[in-house]
C-alpha atoms as a PDB file:
ATOM      1  CA  MET A   1     -32.788 -90.795 -55.798  1.00  0.00           C
ATOM      2  CA  ASN A   2     -35.975 -91.399 -53.838  1.00  0.00           C
ATOM      3  CA  LEU A   3     -36.334 -89.838 -50.407  1.00  0.00           C
ATOM      4  CA  ASN A   4     -36.224 -92.574 -47.770  1.00  0.00           C
ATOM      5  CA  THR A   5     -34.622 -90.826 -44.790  1.00  0.00           C
ATOM      6  CA  VAL A   6     -35.740 -87.950 -42.574  1.00  0.00           C
ATOM      7  CA  ILE A   7     -33.510 -86.038 -40.150  1.00  0.00           C
ATOM      8  CA  PHE A   8     -34.853 -83.611 -37.569  1.00  0.00           C
ATOM      9  CA  ASP A   9     -33.275 -80.725 -35.734  1.00  0.00           C
ATOM     10  CA  MET A  10     -34.278 -80.675 -32.065  1.00  0.00           C
ATOM     11  CA  ASP A  11     -34.310 -77.307 -30.258  1.00  0.00           C
ATOM     12  CA  GLY A  12     -37.184 -75.110 -31.370  1.00  0.00           C
ATOM     13  CA  LEU A  13     -38.463 -77.774 -33.760  1.00  0.00           C
ATOM     14  CA  LEU A  14     -39.331 -80.801 -31.597  1.00  0.00           C
ATOM     15  CA  ILE A  15     -39.272 -79.088 -28.208  1.00  0.00           C
ATOM     16  CA  ASP A  16     -39.934 -75.484 -27.176  1.00  0.00           C
ATOM     17  CA  SER A  17     -36.432 -75.152 -25.745  1.00  0.00           C
ATOM     18  CA  GLU A  18     -35.279 -71.907 -27.378  1.00  0.00           C
ATOM     19  CA  PRO A  19     -36.863 -69.656 -24.713  1.00  0.00           C
ATOM     20  CA  TYR A  20     -34.964 -71.594 -22.033  1.00  0.00           C
ATOM     21  CA  TRP A  21     -31.662 -71.333 -23.891  1.00  0.00           C
ATOM     22  CA  GLN A  22     -32.327 -67.607 -24.137  1.00  0.00           C
ATOM     23  CA  GLU A  23     -33.212 -67.338 -20.433  1.00  0.00           C
ATOM     24  CA  ALA A  24     -30.030 -69.186 -19.484  1.00  0.00           C
ATOM     25  CA  ALA A  25     -27.931 -66.939 -21.727  1.00  0.00           C
ATOM     26  CA  VAL A  26     -29.517 -63.751 -20.346  1.00  0.00           C
ATOM     27  CA  GLU A  27     -28.920 -64.845 -16.756  1.00  0.00           C
ATOM     28  CA  VAL A  28     -25.300 -65.834 -17.321  1.00  0.00           C
ATOM     29  CA  LEU A  29     -24.310 -62.938 -19.606  1.00  0.00           C
ATOM     30  CA  ASP A  30     -25.697 -60.407 -17.157  1.00  0.00           C
ATOM     31  CA  GLN A  31     -22.396 -60.626 -15.245  1.00  0.00           C
ATOM     32  CA  PHE A  32     -20.697 -59.061 -18.285  1.00  0.00           C
ATOM     33  CA  ASP A  33     -23.416 -56.392 -18.708  1.00  0.00           C
ATOM     34  CA  ILE A  34     -24.405 -57.981 -22.045  1.00  0.00           C
ATOM     35  CA  ALA A  35     -28.055 -57.725 -23.079  1.00  0.00           C
ATOM     36  CA  LEU A  36     -28.896 -59.155 -26.504  1.00  0.00           C
ATOM     37  CA  THR A  37     -31.846 -57.887 -28.512  1.00  0.00           C
ATOM     38  CA  MET A  38     -34.241 -60.471 -29.967  1.00  0.00           C
ATOM     39  CA  GLU A  39     -32.827 -59.704 -33.418  1.00  0.00           C
ATOM     40  CA  GLN A  40     -29.305 -60.419 -32.195  1.00  0.00           C
ATOM     41  CA  TYR A  41     -30.401 -63.618 -30.495  1.00  0.00           C
ATOM     42  CA  HIS A  42     -32.146 -64.962 -33.607  1.00  0.00           C
ATOM     43  CA  LEU A  43     -29.058 -64.159 -35.701  1.00  0.00           C
ATOM     44  CA  THR A  44     -27.050 -66.840 -33.917  1.00  0.00           C
ATOM     45  CA  THR A  45     -29.809 -69.408 -33.267  1.00  0.00           C
ATOM     46  CA  GLY A  46     -28.680 -72.890 -34.308  1.00  0.00           C
ATOM     47  CA  LEU A  47     -25.042 -72.474 -33.339  1.00  0.00           C
ATOM     48  CA  ARG A  48     -23.601 -74.624 -30.591  1.00  0.00           C
ATOM     49  CA  THR A  49     -22.776 -72.744 -27.391  1.00  0.00           C
ATOM     50  CA  LYS A  50     -19.029 -72.519 -28.115  1.00  0.00           C
ATOM     51  CA  GLU A  51     -19.461 -70.653 -31.408  1.00  0.00           C
ATOM     52  CA  TRP A  52     -22.377 -68.675 -29.998  1.00  0.00           C
ATOM     53  CA  LEU A  53     -20.210 -67.330 -27.182  1.00  0.00           C
ATOM     54  CA  GLU A  54     -17.203 -66.708 -29.416  1.00  0.00           C
ATOM     55  CA  HIS A  55     -19.384 -64.567 -31.664  1.00  0.00           C
ATOM     56  CA  TRP A  56     -20.844 -62.412 -28.882  1.00  0.00           C
ATOM     57  CA  PHE A  57     -17.670 -62.209 -26.794  1.00  0.00           C
ATOM     58  CA  GLN A  58     -15.858 -60.838 -29.834  1.00  0.00           C
ATOM     59  CA  HIS A  59     -18.771 -58.525 -30.632  1.00  0.00           C
ATOM     60  CA  PHE A  60     -18.774 -57.055 -27.112  1.00  0.00           C
ATOM     61  CA  ALA A  61     -14.972 -57.268 -26.647  1.00  0.00           C
ATOM     62  CA  ILE A  62     -15.161 -59.683 -23.694  1.00  0.00           C
ATOM     63  CA  ASP A  63     -11.990 -61.545 -22.658  1.00  0.00           C
ATOM     64  CA  MET A  64     -12.176 -65.037 -24.192  1.00  0.00           C
ATOM     65  CA  SER A  65     -10.593 -66.529 -21.074  1.00  0.00           C
ATOM     66  CA  HIS A  66     -14.103 -66.498 -19.577  1.00  0.00           C
ATOM     67  CA  ALA A  67     -15.642 -68.417 -22.490  1.00  0.00           C
ATOM     68  CA  ASN A  68     -15.333 -72.013 -21.224  1.00  0.00           C
ATOM     69  CA  SER A  69     -16.782 -71.417 -17.767  1.00  0.00           C
ATOM     70  CA  THR A  70     -19.509 -69.179 -19.199  1.00  0.00           C
ATOM     71  CA  GLY A  71     -20.447 -71.791 -21.788  1.00  0.00           C
ATOM     72  CA  GLU A  72     -20.700 -74.521 -19.166  1.00  0.00           C
ATOM     73  CA  ALA A  73     -22.917 -72.322 -17.009  1.00  0.00           C
ATOM     74  CA  ILE A  74     -25.283 -71.571 -19.911  1.00  0.00           C
ATOM     75  CA  VAL A  75     -25.532 -75.240 -20.925  1.00  0.00           C
ATOM     76  CA  ASN A  76     -26.164 -76.440 -17.366  1.00  0.00           C
ATOM     77  CA  LYS A  77     -28.837 -73.807 -16.755  1.00  0.00           C
ATOM     78  CA  ALA A  78     -30.536 -74.475 -20.084  1.00  0.00           C
ATOM     79  CA  ILE A  79     -30.594 -78.247 -19.597  1.00  0.00           C
ATOM     80  CA  GLN A  80     -32.189 -77.883 -16.166  1.00  0.00           C
ATOM     81  CA  LYS A  81     -34.792 -75.414 -17.441  1.00  0.00           C
ATOM     82  CA  ILE A  82     -35.688 -77.610 -20.434  1.00  0.00           C
ATOM     83  CA  LYS A  83     -35.870 -80.724 -18.262  1.00  0.00           C
ATOM     84  CA  GLU A  84     -38.311 -79.003 -15.911  1.00  0.00           C
ATOM     85  CA  ASN A  85     -40.392 -76.940 -18.335  1.00  0.00           C
ATOM     86  CA  GLY A  86     -39.889 -78.021 -21.953  1.00  0.00           C
ATOM     87  CA  LYS A  87     -42.910 -79.141 -23.975  1.00  0.00           C
ATOM     88  CA  ALA A  88     -43.353 -80.762 -27.377  1.00  0.00           C
ATOM     89  CA  MET A  89     -43.874 -78.419 -30.302  1.00  0.00           C
ATOM     90  CA  PRO A  90     -47.208 -78.806 -32.162  1.00  0.00           C
ATOM     91  CA  GLY A  91     -47.283 -81.795 -34.503  1.00  0.00           C
ATOM     92  CA  VAL A  92     -44.247 -83.706 -33.209  1.00  0.00           C
ATOM     93  CA  HIS A  93     -45.971 -87.071 -32.823  1.00  0.00           C
ATOM     94  CA  HIS A  94     -48.000 -86.503 -36.001  1.00  0.00           C
ATOM     95  CA  ILE A  95     -44.930 -86.093 -38.176  1.00  0.00           C
ATOM     96  CA  LEU A  96     -42.795 -88.758 -36.513  1.00  0.00           C
ATOM     97  CA  SER A  97     -45.657 -91.238 -36.842  1.00  0.00           C
ATOM     98  CA  TYR A  98     -46.078 -90.359 -40.519  1.00  0.00           C
ATOM     99  CA  PHE A  99     -42.450 -91.107 -41.357  1.00  0.00           C
ATOM    100  CA  LYS A 100     -42.348 -94.255 -39.225  1.00  0.00           C
ATOM    101  CA  GLU A 101     -45.512 -95.598 -40.877  1.00  0.00           C
ATOM    102  CA  ASN A 102     -43.988 -94.886 -44.302  1.00  0.00           C
ATOM    103  CA  ASN A 103     -40.808 -96.804 -43.469  1.00  0.00           C
ATOM    104  CA  PHE A 104     -38.443 -93.844 -43.483  1.00  0.00           C
ATOM    105  CA  LYS A 105     -35.189 -94.076 -41.578  1.00  0.00           C
ATOM    106  CA  ILE A 106     -35.394 -91.386 -38.888  1.00  0.00           C
ATOM    107  CA  GLY A 107     -32.503 -89.445 -37.379  1.00  0.00           C
ATOM    108  CA  LEU A 108     -31.824 -86.386 -35.270  1.00  0.00           C
ATOM    109  CA  ALA A 109     -29.087 -83.794 -35.901  1.00  0.00           C
ATOM    110  CA  THR A 110     -28.625 -81.071 -33.307  1.00  0.00           C
ATOM    111  CA  SER A 111     -26.080 -78.591 -31.996  1.00  0.00           C
ATOM    112  CA  SER A 112     -27.077 -79.479 -28.432  1.00  0.00           C
ATOM    113  CA  PRO A 113     -24.955 -81.786 -26.249  1.00  0.00           C
ATOM    114  CA  PRO A 114     -25.772 -85.507 -25.939  1.00  0.00           C
ATOM    115  CA  PRO A 115     -27.107 -85.249 -22.349  1.00  0.00           C
ATOM    116  CA  LEU A 116     -29.834 -82.886 -23.548  1.00  0.00           C
ATOM    117  CA  ILE A 117     -30.743 -85.233 -26.415  1.00  0.00           C
ATOM    118  CA  GLU A 118     -31.272 -88.006 -23.871  1.00  0.00           C
ATOM    119  CA  ILE A 119     -33.485 -85.759 -21.733  1.00  0.00           C
ATOM    120  CA  VAL A 120     -35.590 -84.547 -24.669  1.00  0.00           C
ATOM    121  CA  VAL A 121     -36.296 -87.909 -26.327  1.00  0.00           C
ATOM    122  CA  ASP A 122     -37.403 -89.351 -22.992  1.00  0.00           C
ATOM    123  CA  LYS A 123     -39.362 -86.281 -21.888  1.00  0.00           C
ATOM    124  CA  LEU A 124     -41.313 -86.230 -25.167  1.00  0.00           C
ATOM    125  CA  LYS A 125     -41.535 -90.060 -25.292  1.00  0.00           C
ATOM    126  CA  ILE A 126     -40.070 -90.167 -28.806  1.00  0.00           C
ATOM    127  CA  ARG A 127     -36.906 -92.226 -28.269  1.00  0.00           C
ATOM    128  CA  ASP A 128     -38.228 -95.257 -30.157  1.00  0.00           C
ATOM    129  CA  PHE A 129     -38.784 -93.240 -33.353  1.00  0.00           C
ATOM    130  CA  PHE A 130     -35.065 -92.631 -33.949  1.00  0.00           C
ATOM    131  CA  GLN A 131     -32.510 -95.024 -35.394  1.00  0.00           C
ATOM    132  CA  ALA A 132     -29.617 -92.577 -34.987  1.00  0.00           C
ATOM    133  CA  TRP A 133     -28.740 -89.150 -33.713  1.00  0.00           C
ATOM    134  CA  SER A 134     -25.771 -86.859 -34.107  1.00  0.00           C
ATOM    135  CA  SER A 135     -24.596 -84.008 -31.883  1.00  0.00           C
ATOM    136  CA  ALA A 136     -22.462 -81.227 -33.352  1.00  0.00           C
ATOM    137  CA  ASP A 137     -21.347 -80.550 -29.773  1.00  0.00           C
ATOM    138  CA  ILE A 138     -18.908 -83.456 -30.062  1.00  0.00           C
ATOM    139  CA  LEU A 139     -17.981 -82.989 -33.741  1.00  0.00           C
ATOM    140  CA  PRO A 140     -15.245 -80.738 -35.173  1.00  0.00           C
ATOM    141  CA  HIS A 141     -17.783 -78.452 -36.873  1.00  0.00           C
ATOM    142  CA  SER A 142     -21.233 -77.116 -36.057  1.00  0.00           C
ATOM    143  CA  LYS A 143     -24.098 -75.659 -38.047  1.00  0.00           C
ATOM    144  CA  PRO A 144     -24.101 -73.912 -40.522  1.00  0.00           C
ATOM    145  CA  HIS A 145     -21.364 -76.422 -41.504  1.00  0.00           C
ATOM    146  CA  PRO A 146     -23.033 -79.579 -42.923  1.00  0.00           C
ATOM    147  CA  GLU A 147     -21.035 -82.068 -40.845  1.00  0.00           C
ATOM    148  CA  VAL A 148     -23.738 -82.922 -38.305  1.00  0.00           C
ATOM    149  CA  TYR A 149     -26.249 -83.774 -41.054  1.00  0.00           C
ATOM    150  CA  ILE A 150     -23.718 -85.767 -43.049  1.00  0.00           C
ATOM    151  CA  ASN A 151     -22.678 -87.617 -39.893  1.00  0.00           C
ATOM    152  CA  CYS A 152     -26.286 -88.521 -39.082  1.00  0.00           C
ATOM    153  CA  ALA A 153     -26.941 -89.718 -42.637  1.00  0.00           C
ATOM    154  CA  GLU A 154     -23.850 -91.935 -42.475  1.00  0.00           C
ATOM    155  CA  LYS A 155     -25.078 -93.479 -39.224  1.00  0.00           C
ATOM    156  CA  LEU A 156     -28.387 -94.237 -40.945  1.00  0.00           C
ATOM    157  CA  GLY A 157     -26.646 -95.695 -44.005  1.00  0.00           C
ATOM    158  CA  SER A 158     -28.208 -93.075 -46.283  1.00  0.00           C
ATOM    159  CA  SER A 159     -26.958 -90.865 -49.082  1.00  0.00           C
ATOM    160  CA  PRO A 160     -27.499 -87.131 -48.482  1.00  0.00           C
ATOM    161  CA  LEU A 161     -29.562 -87.144 -51.672  1.00  0.00           C
ATOM    162  CA  GLU A 162     -32.026 -89.543 -50.019  1.00  0.00           C
ATOM    163  CA  CYS A 163     -32.599 -87.236 -47.017  1.00  0.00           C
ATOM    164  CA  ILE A 164     -35.188 -84.649 -46.123  1.00  0.00           C
ATOM    165  CA  CYS A 165     -34.413 -82.438 -43.120  1.00  0.00           C
ATOM    166  CA  PHE A 166     -36.596 -80.352 -40.823  1.00  0.00           C
ATOM    167  CA  GLU A 167     -35.206 -77.145 -39.330  1.00  0.00           C
ATOM    168  CA  ASP A 168     -36.386 -74.040 -37.516  1.00  0.00           C
ATOM    169  CA  SER A 169     -33.229 -71.878 -37.762  1.00  0.00           C
ATOM    170  CA  PHE A 170     -31.458 -70.155 -40.636  1.00  0.00           C
ATOM    171  CA  ASN A 171     -28.095 -71.667 -39.672  1.00  0.00           C
ATOM    172  CA  GLY A 172     -29.701 -75.104 -39.584  1.00  0.00           C
ATOM    173  CA  MET A 173     -31.261 -74.602 -43.020  1.00  0.00           C
ATOM    174  CA  ILE A 174     -27.877 -73.636 -44.473  1.00  0.00           C
ATOM    175  CA  SER A 175     -26.337 -76.720 -42.843  1.00  0.00           C
ATOM    176  CA  ALA A 176     -28.925 -79.060 -44.393  1.00  0.00           C
ATOM    177  CA  LYS A 177     -28.708 -77.469 -47.845  1.00  0.00           C
ATOM    178  CA  ALA A 178     -24.893 -77.547 -47.736  1.00  0.00           C
ATOM    179  CA  ALA A 179     -25.186 -81.282 -47.073  1.00  0.00           C
ATOM    180  CA  ARG A 180     -27.188 -81.507 -50.352  1.00  0.00           C
ATOM    181  CA  MET A 181     -30.360 -82.540 -48.570  1.00  0.00           C
ATOM    182  CA  LYS A 182     -33.940 -81.367 -49.010  1.00  0.00           C
ATOM    183  CA  CYS A 183     -34.934 -78.982 -46.230  1.00  0.00           C
ATOM    184  CA  VAL A 184     -38.305 -78.093 -44.710  1.00  0.00           C
ATOM    185  CA  VAL A 185     -38.237 -75.051 -42.423  1.00  0.00           C
ATOM    186  CA  VAL A 186     -40.635 -74.290 -39.580  1.00  0.00           C
ATOM    187  CA  PRO A 187     -39.632 -70.759 -38.506  1.00  0.00           C
ATOM    188  CA  THR A 188     -40.840 -69.013 -35.366  1.00  0.00           C
ATOM    189  CA  PRO A 189     -43.938 -66.867 -36.070  1.00  0.00           C
ATOM    190  CA  GLU A 190     -42.059 -63.568 -35.795  1.00  0.00           C
ATOM    191  CA  LEU A 191     -39.575 -64.687 -38.467  1.00  0.00           C
ATOM    192  CA  TYR A 192     -41.946 -66.656 -40.702  1.00  0.00           C
ATOM    193  CA  HIS A 193     -42.336 -64.015 -43.439  1.00  0.00           C
ATOM    194  CA  GLU A 194     -38.633 -63.199 -43.839  1.00  0.00           C
ATOM    195  CA  ALA A 195     -37.244 -63.671 -47.343  1.00  0.00           C
ATOM    196  CA  LYS A 196     -34.227 -65.670 -46.133  1.00  0.00           C
ATOM    197  CA  TRP A 197     -36.315 -68.866 -45.973  1.00  0.00           C
ATOM    198  CA  GLY A 198     -36.488 -68.866 -49.771  1.00  0.00           C
ATOM    199  CA  ALA A 199     -33.545 -71.282 -49.881  1.00  0.00           C
ATOM    200  CA  ALA A 200     -35.687 -73.996 -48.260  1.00  0.00           C
ATOM    201  CA  ASP A 201     -37.631 -76.554 -50.271  1.00  0.00           C
ATOM    202  CA  LEU A 202     -40.767 -76.028 -48.181  1.00  0.00           C
ATOM    203  CA  LYS A 203     -41.895 -73.721 -45.367  1.00  0.00           C
ATOM    204  CA  LEU A 204     -44.495 -74.673 -42.757  1.00  0.00           C
ATOM    205  CA  LYS A 205     -46.071 -72.796 -39.857  1.00  0.00           C
ATOM    206  CA  ASN A 206     -45.942 -75.922 -37.697  1.00  0.00           C
ATOM    207  CA  LEU A 207     -45.348 -79.654 -38.033  1.00  0.00           C
ATOM    208  CA  ASN A 208     -49.093 -80.364 -38.120  1.00  0.00           C
ATOM    209  CA  GLU A 209     -49.155 -78.816 -41.612  1.00  0.00           C
ATOM    210  CA  TRP A 210     -47.071 -81.664 -43.006  1.00  0.00           C
ATOM    211  CA  LYS A 211     -48.839 -83.745 -45.649  1.00  0.00           C
ATOM    212  CA  GLY A 212     -47.660 -86.915 -47.343  1.00  0.00           C
ATOM    213  CA  GLU A 213     -47.964 -85.443 -50.833  1.00  0.00           C
ATOM    214  CA  PHE A 214     -45.113 -83.065 -50.025  1.00  0.00           C
ATOM    215  CA  VAL A 215     -42.722 -86.006 -50.445  1.00  0.00           C
ATOM    216  CA  GLU A 216     -43.888 -86.546 -54.005  1.00  0.00           C
ATOM    217  CA  SER A 217     -43.677 -82.850 -54.892  1.00  0.00           C
END
């Protein structure tokens, strides 16, 4: 099948929100004397907050009865920080314009909650590029499960085999590949040279590196 649909992750790919998610997590988890290393934080990037907390609460043997209130606090802090300080990642308008001009259906598939999607698309002035978006926050499964990508493709009326996805996290890449979609990864600079990105169809340093001939190849 020909590629005619593109689906983007959001956090860390379209907007520089990951530092603010991390700040929110550090501030909230401090009450439990939890301090994650950067390596630990990157390990769980791409998960929705529920699974993220379950992982680290189990790892540090924290009572799960605190999980719901802690998760809400992290999400609320992160949303406020991103709303106030978030900026577009390099190449966002370049790549969205490319796919719009080439008549691709454009979607967004993220682990973040719908209120943050609304904030981001308006803050970056990119709402009109998207025909559909899907939030794993309100679906039964989150990345690395493929459900959020499959759900977005269904909303766009596309087969997974017609889709190319853009991701910045390992869990997101696994999600896209499990959905049987092509996947372009744009890792953070400190993770760019790791071998784990070998499962992707293409690796870029930023979205400005995207060229039309990549679709053909």
